[in-house]
């Protein structure tokens, strides 16, 4: 988590701005009539506190978790919430387990949540890191994979109730953080990528020190990294480890983030790894059952200065409106976050400085990050949640229990040219110091704009509702197969009468430790009219659909081949 030799030397706390701790201690979150997001956590009845089990021994594992996810587990048309719990590392924590909160919007007409964990049969009690949501068994409802410090878990959704699936390949994992469902071979079944981190012993913990000699958290280079794995879905609940066969069994890297998407536009799903302190990898799908790491040639392995960074979160989206997927990565406080611009052929250029994203990220350690059009102008903005990975001595002296807190950030996209930070004016609900980790984006109240679910390490989960969405919008749920299931890996372009195109991808992965809304949304800019949809389906086929008289300001269900 951050660069370091030997014991690791992540960010220097002396360079990190002091966050507004006093305001949080007083229980105040400033609100404004012009704010784009409001904190609705208490109002909707959500009450979840992440526990990391810290005992003062400064295990690296206790610093990483805080996963969150959106999923419509009961298929009623609204998004439910999944909250990943940590627990204790030195002993078993009674009652520490993941929670599933059911959305009552459709049933009651009012946004509120109730804890249905026991009712749906979930007993996920591992030391959790992150969640990946996908319909791996193809029965039409979303299943849940849980990446843990320890054995991973797969929970099958059977008509709104969950049962644990015993998969020996998953039980063997020791510390998985990143996970993706993807159909890399186009056989109609979702395969599973596991991004593994490092080997940490609870019985014999590493001891590392800060610059002043005091005990501190270790960086990733103090540990042995693990190999990542790709599990091919054989159907019937069976998986096969094809890591070696497909070519991804390269040298060990400490992977914290990953995202699956078609970066070169050839119709095959590629995979990007965000690695902590070492070069990132861009696995280009060759369409032959093999992958090739093209990151160095493609310009996406290191930053513009030629240096690997402490990569955590990763997001893919078309920020500049040129019809391809660009990459955004979060890093530690001594570095900057990084924006890689795609030329359409999966060749990337680091444009962080030119787009105004370098300076605002210095001094921040970013984890979850997501593209979202929060202001409804048709351009993808950025949300980032932050939290240190080295102890801040000033917070410690102030008596802060978990002295690695920072405030989160929101950046507005200025027509693909530059970004401006709007945290203090548009996202004051984010401007409170906590230890941000997971960040999921979804339309939880079905009003057509993106809301945020934030997971905080050793702190509360928060639901932030968008108050400044588009007045006109198009929502789509793209499905394929029989029975129909979310078309993970598809991309859809909405062409306007003016010729302008908006690109969105279908996927629940990306960010950090999170699962997103599988539906896509297009804000219709003022003066624009939808003309046609062009959908690239996961099987490599393309479908062109005229917009016609399709309704707007609601979610439409489009199933491949039925139009």
Protein backbone atom coordinates (compact mmCIF):
# COMPACT_ATOMS: atom_id res chain seq x y z
CA UNK A 1 0.00 0.00 0.00
CA UNK A 2 2.26 2.67 -1.24
CA UNK A 3 5.88 2.39 -2.24
CA UNK A 4 8.52 1.21 0.16
CA UNK A 5 11.72 -0.76 0.51
CA UNK A 6 12.19 -3.21 3.32
CA UNK A 7 9.61 -2.13 5.86
CA UNK A 8 7.80 0.03 3.35
CA UNK A 9 7.55 3.79 3.45
CA UNK A 10 4.07 4.82 2.29
CA UNK A 11 3.14 8.47 2.57
CA UNK A 12 4.95 10.78 4.96
CA UNK A 13 2.30 11.92 7.48
CA UNK A 14 4.04 15.27 7.88
CA UNK A 15 3.02 16.14 4.30
CA UNK A 16 -0.62 15.23 4.79
CA UNK A 17 -3.14 18.02 5.52
CA UNK A 18 -4.94 17.75 8.83
CA UNK A 19 -8.59 16.79 8.10
CA UNK A 20 -11.57 18.47 9.81
CA UNK A 21 -11.63 16.09 12.76
CA UNK A 22 -13.26 18.48 15.17
CA UNK A 23 -16.30 18.84 12.95
CA UNK A 24 -16.76 15.08 12.73
CA UNK A 25 -16.25 14.66 16.48
CA UNK A 26 -19.09 17.08 17.01
CA UNK A 27 -21.28 14.92 14.79
CA UNK A 28 -21.79 17.67 12.23
CA UNK A 29 -21.85 17.27 8.49
CA UNK A 30 -22.23 20.66 6.80
CA UNK A 31 -25.11 20.82 4.35
CA UNK A 32 -25.94 23.38 1.71
CA UNK A 33 -28.99 24.08 -0.39
CA UNK A 34 -26.73 23.85 -3.45
CA UNK A 35 -25.12 20.54 -2.44
CA UNK A 36 -25.30 17.76 -5.00
CA UNK A 37 -25.27 15.03 -2.34
CA UNK A 38 -26.96 14.73 1.03
CA UNK A 39 -26.17 12.16 3.69
CA UNK A 40 -29.34 10.06 4.00
CA UNK A 41 -27.82 7.26 6.10
CA UNK A 42 -29.88 7.85 9.24
CA UNK A 43 -32.99 8.98 7.37
CA UNK A 44 -33.30 5.68 5.47
CA UNK A 45 -32.64 3.57 8.57
CA UNK A 46 -29.19 2.30 7.62
CA UNK A 47 -27.00 1.42 10.61
CA UNK A 48 -23.78 -0.46 9.89
CA UNK A 49 -20.38 -0.02 11.52
CA UNK A 50 -17.33 -1.67 9.98
CA UNK A 51 -14.97 -3.30 12.49
CA UNK A 52 -11.33 -3.97 11.69
CA UNK A 53 -10.44 -5.61 15.01
CA UNK A 54 -7.36 -3.47 15.59
CA UNK A 55 -5.42 -4.31 18.74
CA UNK A 56 -2.44 -1.98 18.39
CA UNK A 57 -0.24 -4.51 16.60
CA UNK A 58 -0.80 -2.72 13.27
CA UNK A 59 -1.62 -5.60 10.97
CA UNK A 60 -1.75 -4.50 7.35
CA UNK A 61 -4.93 -6.52 6.84
CA UNK A 62 -6.84 -4.40 9.35
CA UNK A 63 -6.24 -1.32 7.22
CA UNK A 64 -7.66 -2.52 3.88
CA UNK A 65 -11.28 -3.63 4.28
CA UNK A 66 -14.49 -1.67 3.92
CA UNK A 67 -16.25 -3.12 0.90
CA UNK A 68 -19.78 -2.17 -0.17
CA UNK A 69 -22.11 -3.12 -2.98
CA UNK A 70 -25.41 -2.51 -4.74
CA UNK A 71 -27.53 -5.42 -6.00
CA UNK A 72 -31.19 -6.10 -6.62
CA UNK A 73 -31.14 -9.47 -4.89
CA UNK A 74 -34.94 -9.91 -4.85
CA UNK A 75 -35.50 -8.61 -8.42
CA UNK A 76 -38.15 -6.11 -7.35
CA UNK A 77 -36.69 -3.23 -9.34
CA UNK A 78 -34.80 -1.33 -6.63
CA UNK A 79 -31.24 -1.61 -5.38
CA UNK A 80 -30.44 -3.33 -2.09
CA UNK A 81 -27.22 -2.82 -0.12
CA UNK A 82 -24.48 -5.31 0.74
CA UNK A 83 -22.01 -4.28 3.46
CA UNK A 84 -18.81 -6.27 3.95
CA UNK A 85 -17.69 -6.75 7.55
CA UNK A 86 -14.17 -7.24 8.91
CA UNK A 87 -14.04 -8.63 12.43
CA UNK A 88 -11.10 -9.79 14.52
CA UNK A 89 -7.76 -11.09 13.33
CA UNK A 90 -6.37 -12.57 16.54
CA UNK A 91 -9.55 -14.33 17.64
CA UNK A 92 -13.09 -14.95 16.47
CA UNK A 93 -15.52 -12.05 16.81
CA UNK A 94 -18.98 -13.16 17.79
CA UNK A 95 -21.65 -11.49 15.69
CA UNK A 96 -19.24 -9.87 13.23
CA UNK A 97 -20.63 -10.69 9.80
CA UNK A 98 -21.67 -9.12 6.53
CA UNK A 99 -25.09 -7.52 6.26
CA UNK A 100 -27.70 -7.33 3.49
CA UNK A 101 -30.14 -4.41 3.68
CA UNK A 102 -33.32 -4.65 1.62
CA UNK A 103 -34.65 -1.54 -0.14
CA UNK A 104 -38.37 -0.95 0.52
CA UNK A 105 -38.79 1.70 -2.18
CA UNK A 106 -40.95 -0.35 -4.55
CA UNK A 107 -43.05 -1.90 -1.80
CA UNK A 108 -43.69 1.25 0.21
CA UNK A 109 -43.07 4.10 -2.22
CA UNK A 110 -40.52 5.51 0.22
CA UNK A 111 -36.77 4.99 0.30
CA UNK A 112 -35.94 3.02 3.44
CA UNK A 113 -33.98 -0.10 4.33
CA UNK A 114 -34.31 -3.06 6.64
CA UNK A 115 -31.64 -5.57 7.69
CA UNK A 116 -32.64 -8.88 6.07
CA UNK A 117 -29.35 -10.73 6.61
CA UNK A 118 -30.78 -13.56 8.68
CA UNK A 119 -34.00 -13.78 6.70
CA UNK A 120 -32.17 -14.46 3.44
CA UNK A 121 -29.84 -17.06 4.95
CA UNK A 122 -26.55 -15.15 4.78
CA UNK A 123 -23.93 -16.17 7.32
CA UNK A 124 -20.81 -14.59 5.88
CA UNK A 125 -18.46 -14.43 8.87
CA UNK A 126 -15.05 -14.33 7.18
CA UNK A 127 -12.73 -11.35 7.60
CA UNK A 128 -14.11 -9.53 4.59
CA UNK A 129 -12.41 -7.25 2.06
CA UNK A 130 -14.64 -6.78 -0.97
CA UNK A 131 -17.66 -7.98 -2.93
CA UNK A 132 -18.19 -8.95 -6.58
CA UNK A 133 -21.75 -9.37 -7.85
CA UNK A 134 -22.67 -11.47 -10.89
CA UNK A 135 -25.11 -14.14 -12.03
CA UNK A 136 -22.55 -16.94 -12.27
CA UNK A 137 -25.16 -19.73 -12.53
CA UNK A 138 -27.22 -17.98 -15.22
CA UNK A 139 -30.59 -18.27 -13.45
CA UNK A 140 -31.43 -14.57 -13.74
CA UNK A 141 -30.63 -13.30 -10.24
CA UNK A 142 -27.38 -11.85 -8.84
CA UNK A 143 -25.00 -14.02 -6.84
CA UNK A 144 -22.29 -12.80 -4.48
CA UNK A 145 -18.55 -13.53 -4.32
CA UNK A 146 -16.75 -12.33 -1.20
CA UNK A 147 -13.02 -11.68 -1.18
CA UNK A 148 -11.61 -12.29 2.29
CA UNK A 149 -8.44 -12.30 4.32
CA UNK A 150 -8.57 -16.07 4.49
CA UNK A 151 -10.87 -18.40 2.56
CA UNK A 152 -13.09 -16.65 0.01
CA UNK A 153 -16.81 -17.31 -0.22
CA UNK A 154 -19.37 -17.79 -3.00
CA UNK A 155 -23.05 -17.32 -2.16
CA UNK A 156 -25.68 -18.49 -4.64
CA UNK A 157 -28.92 -16.54 -4.82
CA UNK A 158 -31.91 -18.84 -5.14
CA UNK A 159 -35.08 -16.77 -5.51
CA UNK A 160 -34.02 -14.23 -2.89
CA UNK A 161 -32.37 -16.63 -0.45
CA UNK A 162 -28.66 -17.36 -0.31
CA UNK A 163 -26.81 -20.62 0.09
CA UNK A 164 -23.06 -21.02 0.35
CA UNK A 165 -21.40 -22.91 -2.50
CA UNK A 166 -18.38 -25.05 -1.67
CA UNK A 167 -15.67 -24.42 -4.26
CA UNK A 168 -12.27 -25.80 -3.27
CA UNK A 169 -10.42 -23.36 -5.53
CA UNK A 170 -11.89 -20.46 -3.55
CA UNK A 171 -11.14 -21.98 -0.17
CA UNK A 172 -7.43 -22.10 -1.05
CA UNK A 173 -7.07 -18.33 -1.35
CA UNK A 174 -5.32 -16.52 1.48
CA UNK A 175 -5.82 -12.79 0.82
CA UNK A 176 -7.91 -11.68 -2.13
CA UNK A 177 -8.87 -8.01 -2.44
CA UNK A 178 -9.88 -7.47 -6.09
CA UNK A 179 -12.40 -9.67 -7.87
CA UNK A 180 -14.23 -9.47 -11.21
CA UNK A 181 -16.94 -11.44 -12.94
CA UNK A 182 -16.25 -11.49 -16.69
CA UNK A 183 -17.01 -13.71 -19.67
CA UNK A 184 -13.51 -13.76 -21.16
CA UNK A 185 -14.18 -16.68 -23.55
CA UNK A 186 -17.71 -15.68 -24.73
CA UNK A 187 -19.30 -18.97 -23.69
CA UNK A 188 -22.17 -17.22 -21.91
CA UNK A 189 -20.93 -18.05 -18.40
CA UNK A 190 -19.30 -15.57 -16.05
CA UNK A 191 -15.72 -16.44 -15.12
CA UNK A 192 -13.96 -15.09 -12.04
CA UNK A 193 -10.71 -13.13 -11.76
CA UNK A 194 -9.06 -13.05 -8.33
CA UNK A 195 -6.62 -10.23 -7.62
CA UNK A 196 -4.52 -11.39 -4.70
CA UNK A 197 -2.46 -9.14 -2.44
CA UNK A 198 0.38 -10.18 -0.10
CA UNK A 199 1.13 -12.86 2.50
CA UNK A 200 0.74 -11.58 6.05
CA UNK A 201 1.14 -13.72 9.15
CA UNK A 202 -1.00 -12.92 12.17
CA UNK A 203 1.11 -15.23 14.33
CA UNK A 204 4.40 -13.57 13.28
CA UNK A 205 3.59 -10.03 12.21
CA UNK A 206 6.05 -7.76 10.43
CA UNK A 207 7.29 -4.75 12.37
CA UNK A 208 7.88 -1.52 10.47
CA UNK A 209 8.74 2.02 11.48
CA UNK A 210 8.05 5.55 10.35
CA UNK A 211 10.75 8.13 9.62
CA UNK A 212 10.96 9.11 13.31
CA UNK A 213 11.48 5.51 14.38
CA UNK A 214 8.02 4.90 15.80
CA UNK A 215 6.07 1.73 15.02
CA UNK A 216 3.87 2.11 11.96
CA UNK A 217 2.00 0.09 9.36
CA UNK A 218 4.19 -1.74 6.84
CA UNK A 219 4.10 -1.08 3.12
CA UNK A 220 3.45 -3.87 0.59
CA UNK A 221 7.11 -4.43 -0.27
CA UNK A 222 7.71 -5.72 3.25
CA UNK A 223 5.72 -8.82 2.32
CA UNK A 224 5.74 -11.53 -0.32
CA UNK A 225 3.18 -10.82 -3.03
CA UNK A 226 0.74 -13.47 -4.25
CA UNK A 227 -0.17 -14.67 -7.71
CA UNK A 228 -3.47 -13.71 -9.28
CA UNK A 229 -5.82 -16.31 -10.69
CA UNK A 230 -8.48 -16.71 -13.36
CA UNK A 231 -11.17 -19.32 -12.75
CA UNK A 232 -13.13 -20.49 -15.79
CA UNK A 233 -16.78 -21.21 -15.14
CA UNK A 234 -17.59 -24.75 -16.34
CA UNK A 235 -21.24 -24.58 -15.31
CA UNK A 236 -22.99 -26.56 -12.60
CA UNK A 237 -21.08 -24.71 -9.86
CA UNK A 238 -17.71 -25.96 -11.14
CA UNK A 239 -14.65 -23.83 -11.86
CA UNK A 240 -11.27 -24.57 -13.41
CA UNK A 241 -8.05 -22.67 -12.72
CA UNK A 242 -6.88 -21.53 -16.17
CA UNK A 243 -4.37 -18.92 -15.00
CA UNK A 244 -1.42 -20.69 -16.59
CA UNK A 245 -3.29 -21.72 -19.73
CA UNK A 246 -4.47 -18.19 -20.55
CA UNK A 247 -1.12 -16.59 -19.75
CA UNK A 248 -1.83 -14.51 -16.64
CA UNK A 249 0.30 -16.61 -14.28
CA UNK A 250 3.11 -14.04 -14.42
CA UNK A 251 5.28 -12.92 -11.54
CA UNK A 252 3.57 -12.11 -8.27
CA UNK A 253 2.15 -8.60 -7.91
CA UNK A 254 0.36 -7.07 -4.92
CA UNK A 255 -3.01 -6.45 -6.60
CA UNK A 256 -5.61 -4.23 -4.93
CA UNK A 257 -7.85 -3.21 -7.82
CA UNK A 258 -8.99 -4.59 -11.16
CA UNK A 259 -11.53 -3.91 -13.88
CA UNK A 260 -12.70 -5.90 -16.90
CA UNK A 261 -13.65 -4.07 -20.11
CA UNK A 262 -13.01 -4.01 -23.86
CA UNK A 263 -10.25 -1.41 -23.97
CA UNK A 264 -9.17 -1.91 -27.59
CA UNK A 265 -12.66 -2.17 -29.08
CA UNK A 266 -12.21 -5.60 -30.65
CA UNK A 267 -15.23 -7.17 -28.94
CA UNK A 268 -13.25 -9.24 -26.42
CA UNK A 269 -13.10 -8.42 -22.71
CA UNK A 270 -9.69 -7.29 -21.44
CA UNK A 271 -8.50 -6.94 -17.87
CA UNK A 272 -6.58 -4.23 -16.03
CA UNK A 273 -4.73 -4.81 -12.75
CA UNK A 274 -3.97 -2.01 -10.28
CA UNK A 275 -0.92 -3.16 -8.34
CA UNK A 276 0.42 -1.66 -5.14
CA UNK A 277 3.98 -0.39 -5.48
CA UNK A 278 4.76 -2.31 -8.68
CA UNK A 279 3.89 -1.92 -12.35
CA UNK A 280 0.24 -2.31 -13.31
CA UNK A 281 -0.78 -4.83 -15.95
CA UNK A 282 -3.11 -4.57 -18.93
CA UNK A 283 -4.17 -8.01 -20.06
CA UNK A 284 -5.36 -7.77 -23.68
CA UNK A 285 -7.64 -10.63 -24.69
CA UNK A 286 -6.29 -12.20 -27.87
CA UNK A 287 -9.59 -13.91 -28.72
CA UNK A 288 -7.80 -17.27 -28.72
CA UNK A 289 -8.24 -18.14 -25.06
CA UNK A 290 -5.06 -16.30 -24.10
CA UNK A 291 -4.14 -12.87 -22.71
CA UNK A 292 -1.08 -10.70 -23.41
CA UNK A 293 0.21 -8.14 -20.90
CA UNK A 294 0.49 -5.00 -23.01
CA UNK A 295 0.73 -2.45 -20.20
CA UNK A 296 4.29 -1.27 -20.86
CA UNK A 297 3.78 -0.78 -24.60
CA UNK A 298 0.33 0.69 -24.00
CA UNK A 299 1.64 3.29 -21.55
CA UNK A 300 -0.50 2.07 -18.65
CA UNK A 301 2.09 0.27 -16.50
CA UNK A 302 3.64 3.36 -14.87
CA UNK A 303 2.98 7.09 -14.70
CA UNK A 304 4.31 9.80 -17.03
CA UNK A 305 7.53 9.93 -15.00
CA UNK A 306 8.12 6.24 -15.62
CA UNK A 307 7.45 5.24 -12.01
CA UNK A 308 5.13 2.57 -10.63
CA UNK A 309 2.74 3.87 -8.00
CA UNK A 310 0.79 2.62 -5.00
CA UNK A 311 -2.31 1.78 -7.01
CA UNK A 312 -5.52 0.94 -5.14
CA UNK A 313 -8.74 1.80 -6.95
CA UNK A 314 -9.43 1.82 -10.70
CA UNK A 315 -12.32 3.10 -12.81
CA UNK A 316 -13.01 2.86 -16.56
CA UNK A 317 -15.16 5.38 -18.42
CA UNK A 318 -15.26 7.67 -21.46
CA UNK A 319 -14.46 10.96 -19.74
CA UNK A 320 -13.65 12.87 -22.96
CA UNK A 321 -16.57 11.65 -25.07
CA UNK A 322 -14.43 10.19 -27.86
CA UNK A 323 -16.00 6.73 -27.76
CA UNK A 324 -13.42 4.67 -25.82
CA UNK A 325 -12.77 3.75 -22.19
CA UNK A 326 -10.21 5.77 -20.26
CA UNK A 327 -8.68 4.75 -16.91
CA UNK A 328 -8.46 6.53 -13.58
CA UNK A 329 -6.36 5.18 -10.69
CA UNK A 330 -6.01 6.21 -7.06
CA UNK A 331 -2.67 6.33 -5.24
CA UNK A 332 -0.97 7.28 -1.99
CA UNK A 333 -0.45 10.77 -0.58
CA UNK A 334 3.12 11.30 -1.81
CA UNK A 335 1.99 10.56 -5.36
CA UNK A 336 -0.93 11.81 -7.41
CA UNK A 337 -3.91 9.95 -8.74
CA UNK A 338 -3.52 9.11 -12.44
CA UNK A 339 -5.75 9.62 -15.48
CA UNK A 340 -4.82 7.53 -18.52
CA UNK A 341 -6.45 8.67 -21.76
CA UNK A 342 -7.21 5.93 -24.29
CA UNK A 343 -6.63 6.55 -28.02
CA UNK A 344 -9.19 3.90 -28.93
CA UNK A 345 -6.59 1.20 -29.61
CA UNK A 346 -5.72 0.59 -25.93
CA UNK A 347 -2.73 2.92 -26.07
CA UNK A 348 -2.81 5.26 -23.10
CA UNK A 349 -1.35 8.66 -22.23
CA UNK A 350 -0.97 10.00 -18.69
CA UNK A 351 -2.92 13.29 -18.84
CA UNK A 352 -3.31 13.78 -15.08
CA UNK A 353 -1.54 17.12 -14.94
CA UNK A 354 -3.12 18.46 -18.11
CA UNK A 355 -6.64 17.67 -16.89
CA UNK A 356 -6.17 19.30 -13.49
CA UNK A 357 -6.27 16.13 -11.37
CA UNK A 358 -2.68 16.07 -10.08
CA UNK A 359 -2.56 18.91 -7.56
CA UNK A 360 -5.89 18.15 -5.79
CA UNK A 361 -4.81 14.55 -5.13
CA UNK A 362 -1.43 15.34 -3.58
CA UNK A 363 -1.58 14.72 0.13
CA UNK A 364 -4.54 12.36 -0.30
CA UNK A 365 -4.50 8.56 -0.29
CA UNK A 366 -7.30 7.44 -2.58
CA UNK A 367 -9.06 4.09 -2.57
CA UNK A 368 -12.53 3.82 -4.12
CA UNK A 369 -13.05 5.87 -7.29
CA UNK A 370 -15.91 5.96 -9.78
CA UNK A 371 -17.01 7.79 -12.89
CA UNK A 372 -20.50 9.29 -12.62
CA UNK A 373 -22.44 12.11 -14.23
CA UNK A 374 -23.58 13.70 -10.98
CA UNK A 375 -24.76 17.01 -12.46
CA UNK A 376 -26.61 15.65 -15.49
CA UNK A 377 -24.65 17.45 -18.21
CA UNK A 378 -23.67 14.30 -20.12
CA UNK A 379 -19.99 14.37 -19.02
CA UNK A 380 -18.58 11.81 -16.59
CA UNK A 381 -17.38 13.32 -13.31
CA UNK A 382 -15.26 11.63 -10.62
CA UNK A 383 -15.86 10.68 -7.00
CA UNK A 384 -12.93 9.52 -4.83
CA UNK A 385 -12.86 8.29 -1.22
CA UNK A 386 -9.67 8.71 0.79
CA UNK A 387 -7.95 7.35 3.89
CA UNK A 388 -4.30 7.17 4.90
CA UNK A 389 -2.18 4.02 5.12
CA UNK A 390 0.37 5.40 7.58
CA UNK A 391 -0.39 6.76 11.02
CA UNK A 392 -0.82 10.53 11.18
CA UNK A 393 0.98 11.62 14.39
CA UNK A 394 -1.11 14.79 14.64
CA UNK A 395 -4.33 12.80 14.62
CA UNK A 396 -2.82 10.38 17.14
CA UNK A 397 -1.88 13.24 19.46
CA UNK A 398 -5.44 14.56 19.15
CA UNK A 399 -6.72 11.23 20.48
CA UNK A 400 -8.27 9.99 17.22
CA UNK A 401 -8.98 6.27 17.61
CA UNK A 402 -8.04 5.36 14.04
CA UNK A 403 -5.57 8.13 13.08
CA UNK A 404 -5.55 7.61 9.31
CA UNK A 405 -8.59 9.71 8.43
CA UNK A 406 -9.11 11.97 5.42
CA UNK A 407 -12.02 13.62 3.67
CA UNK A 408 -13.31 12.41 0.29
CA UNK A 409 -13.47 14.32 -3.01
CA UNK A 410 -15.70 15.12 -5.98
CA UNK A 411 -14.47 16.43 -9.33
CA UNK A 412 -16.64 18.00 -12.03
CA UNK A 413 -15.80 17.29 -15.66
CA UNK A 414 -15.59 20.51 -17.70
CA UNK A 415 -16.63 19.16 -21.11
CA UNK A 416 -13.73 16.68 -21.31
CA UNK A 417 -11.08 19.40 -21.10
CA UNK A 418 -10.35 19.71 -17.38
CA UNK A 419 -11.68 18.76 -13.96
CA UNK A 420 -12.43 21.09 -11.10
CA UNK A 421 -12.79 19.95 -7.50
CA UNK A 422 -16.29 20.70 -6.23
CA UNK A 423 -16.16 18.91 -2.87
CA UNK A 424 -16.67 21.99 -0.71
CA UNK A 425 -19.58 23.34 -2.77
CA UNK A 426 -21.35 20.38 -4.38
CA UNK A 427 -20.39 17.46 -2.15
CA UNK A 428 -20.08 18.76 1.39
CA UNK A 429 -21.39 15.38 2.62
CA UNK A 430 -18.06 13.93 1.41
CA UNK A 431 -15.99 16.59 3.12
CA UNK A 432 -15.82 14.83 6.49
CA UNK A 433 -12.75 12.91 7.66
CA UNK A 434 -13.13 9.14 7.80
CA UNK A 435 -11.11 6.21 6.49
CA UNK A 436 -12.66 5.80 3.03
CA UNK A 437 -12.24 2.47 1.27
CA UNK A 438 -15.16 1.08 -0.78
CA UNK A 439 -17.19 3.30 -3.13
CA UNK A 440 -20.18 2.01 -5.11
CA UNK A 441 -22.35 4.00 -7.53
CA UNK A 442 -26.02 3.26 -8.17
CA UNK A 443 -29.43 4.86 -8.52
CA UNK A 444 -30.85 3.73 -5.21
CA UNK A 445 -34.01 5.86 -5.41
CA UNK A 446 -34.69 5.23 -9.14
CA UNK A 447 -34.79 8.92 -10.02
CA UNK A 448 -32.22 8.71 -12.81
CA UNK A 449 -29.16 10.15 -11.11
CA UNK A 450 -26.19 8.38 -9.45
CA UNK A 451 -26.10 7.96 -5.67
CA UNK A 452 -23.08 6.89 -3.61
CA UNK A 453 -22.55 4.10 -1.09
CA UNK A 454 -19.34 4.66 0.90
CA UNK A 455 -17.58 2.03 3.01
CA UNK A 456 -15.30 3.32 5.77
CA UNK A 457 -12.67 1.20 7.45
CA UNK A 458 -13.53 0.88 11.17
CA UNK A 459 -16.35 3.34 10.68
CA UNK A 460 -19.93 3.74 9.43
CA UNK A 461 -21.23 2.94 5.97
CA UNK A 462 -22.85 6.02 4.44
CA UNK A 463 -25.52 6.46 1.77
CA UNK A 464 -25.29 9.77 -0.10
CA UNK A 465 -28.25 10.75 -2.27
CA UNK A 466 -27.84 12.87 -5.39
CA UNK A 467 -29.91 16.05 -5.25
CA UNK A 468 -28.81 17.54 -8.55
CA UNK A 469 -29.48 14.98 -11.23
CA UNK A 470 -30.71 15.37 -14.79
CA UNK A 471 -34.22 16.60 -15.51
CA UNK A 472 -34.27 14.36 -18.59
CA UNK A 473 -32.62 10.97 -18.66
CA UNK A 474 -32.57 7.47 -20.12
CA UNK A 475 -32.06 4.35 -18.00
CA UNK A 476 -31.31 0.90 -19.39
CA UNK A 477 -30.99 -2.57 -17.99
CA UNK A 478 -29.27 -4.65 -20.67
CA UNK A 479 -29.76 -8.40 -20.44
CA UNK A 480 -28.96 -11.47 -22.51
CA UNK A 481 -29.26 -15.23 -22.34
CA UNK A 482 -32.07 -17.49 -21.19
CA UNK A 483 -33.29 -16.78 -18.64
CA UNK A 484 -32.19 -13.17 -19.22
CA UNK A 485 -29.30 -12.00 -17.04
CA UNK A 486 -27.34 -8.75 -16.82
CA UNK A 487 -25.11 -8.37 -19.89
CA UNK A 488 -21.87 -7.87 -17.97
CA UNK A 489 -19.20 -6.59 -20.36
CA UNK A 490 -21.56 -4.94 -22.83
CA UNK A 491 -21.16 -1.34 -23.92
CA UNK A 492 -23.93 0.92 -25.16
CA UNK A 493 -23.75 4.16 -27.13
CA UNK A 494 -26.63 6.60 -27.18
CA UNK A 495 -26.52 8.78 -30.26
CA UNK A 496 -28.28 12.13 -30.19
CA UNK A 497 -29.97 13.89 -33.09
CA UNK A 498 -27.06 16.37 -33.07
CA UNK A 499 -24.58 13.53 -33.67
CA UNK A 500 -23.17 13.54 -30.14
CA UNK A 501 -22.63 10.08 -28.65
CA UNK A 502 -22.52 9.01 -25.01
CA UNK A 503 -20.79 5.74 -24.09
CA UNK A 504 -21.52 3.66 -21.00
CA UNK A 505 -20.34 0.18 -19.96
CA UNK A 506 -22.34 -2.55 -18.26
CA UNK A 507 -20.48 -3.91 -15.27
CA UNK A 508 -20.56 -4.09 -11.51
CA UNK A 509 -16.78 -4.07 -11.03
CA UNK A 510 -14.16 -1.36 -10.61
CA UNK A 511 -13.53 1.26 -7.93
CA UNK A 512 -12.16 -0.50 -4.83
CA UNK A 513 -13.80 -3.38 -2.93
CA UNK A 514 -17.17 -2.48 -4.45
CA UNK A 515 -20.03 -3.65 -6.65
CA UNK A 516 -22.00 -1.12 -8.70
CA UNK A 517 -25.51 -0.85 -10.13
CA UNK A 518 -25.55 -3.00 -13.32
CA UNK A 519 -27.93 -0.57 -15.02
CA UNK A 520 -26.66 2.33 -17.13
CA UNK A 521 -27.91 5.90 -17.16
CA UNK A 522 -27.66 8.69 -19.72
CA UNK A 523 -28.47 12.25 -18.75
CA UNK A 524 -29.97 13.95 -21.81
CA UNK A 525 -28.29 17.36 -22.14
CA UNK A 526 -30.51 20.37 -22.75
CA UNK A 527 -31.53 20.69 -26.39
CA UNK A 528 -30.60 17.09 -27.25
CA UNK A 529 -32.91 14.30 -28.44
CA UNK A 530 -32.04 10.55 -28.42
CA UNK A 531 -31.81 9.09 -31.92
CA UNK A 532 -30.45 5.54 -31.66
CA UNK A 533 -28.74 2.95 -29.48
CA UNK A 534 -25.73 0.89 -30.53
CA UNK A 535 -25.13 -2.05 -28.19
CA UNK A 536 -21.98 -4.20 -28.26
CA UNK A 537 -23.05 -7.42 -26.54
CA UNK A 538 -20.68 -9.70 -24.59
CA UNK A 539 -20.78 -12.35 -27.35
CA UNK A 540 -19.15 -9.91 -29.79
CA UNK A 541 -22.28 -9.05 -31.78
CA UNK A 542 -23.60 -5.52 -32.25
CA UNK A 543 -27.20 -4.37 -32.31
CA UNK A 544 -28.43 -1.02 -33.63
CA UNK A 545 -31.79 0.09 -32.27
CA UNK A 546 -33.66 3.25 -33.25
CA UNK A 547 -34.86 5.22 -30.26
CA UNK A 548 -38.27 5.88 -31.74
CA UNK A 549 -40.92 6.63 -29.16
CA UNK A 550 -39.31 4.79 -26.26
CA UNK A 551 -40.18 6.42 -22.94
CA UNK A 552 -37.65 8.49 -21.01
CA UNK A 553 -37.17 9.19 -17.29
CA UNK A 554 -37.50 5.51 -16.43
CA UNK A 555 -35.52 2.28 -16.69
CA UNK A 556 -36.11 0.19 -19.80
CA UNK A 557 -35.39 -3.53 -19.97
CA UNK A 558 -33.62 -4.45 -23.23
CA UNK A 559 -32.96 -8.13 -23.88
CA UNK A 560 -30.57 -9.12 -26.65
CA UNK A 561 -32.31 -10.22 -29.84
CA UNK A 562 -35.85 -9.38 -28.74
CA UNK A 563 -36.25 -5.97 -30.37
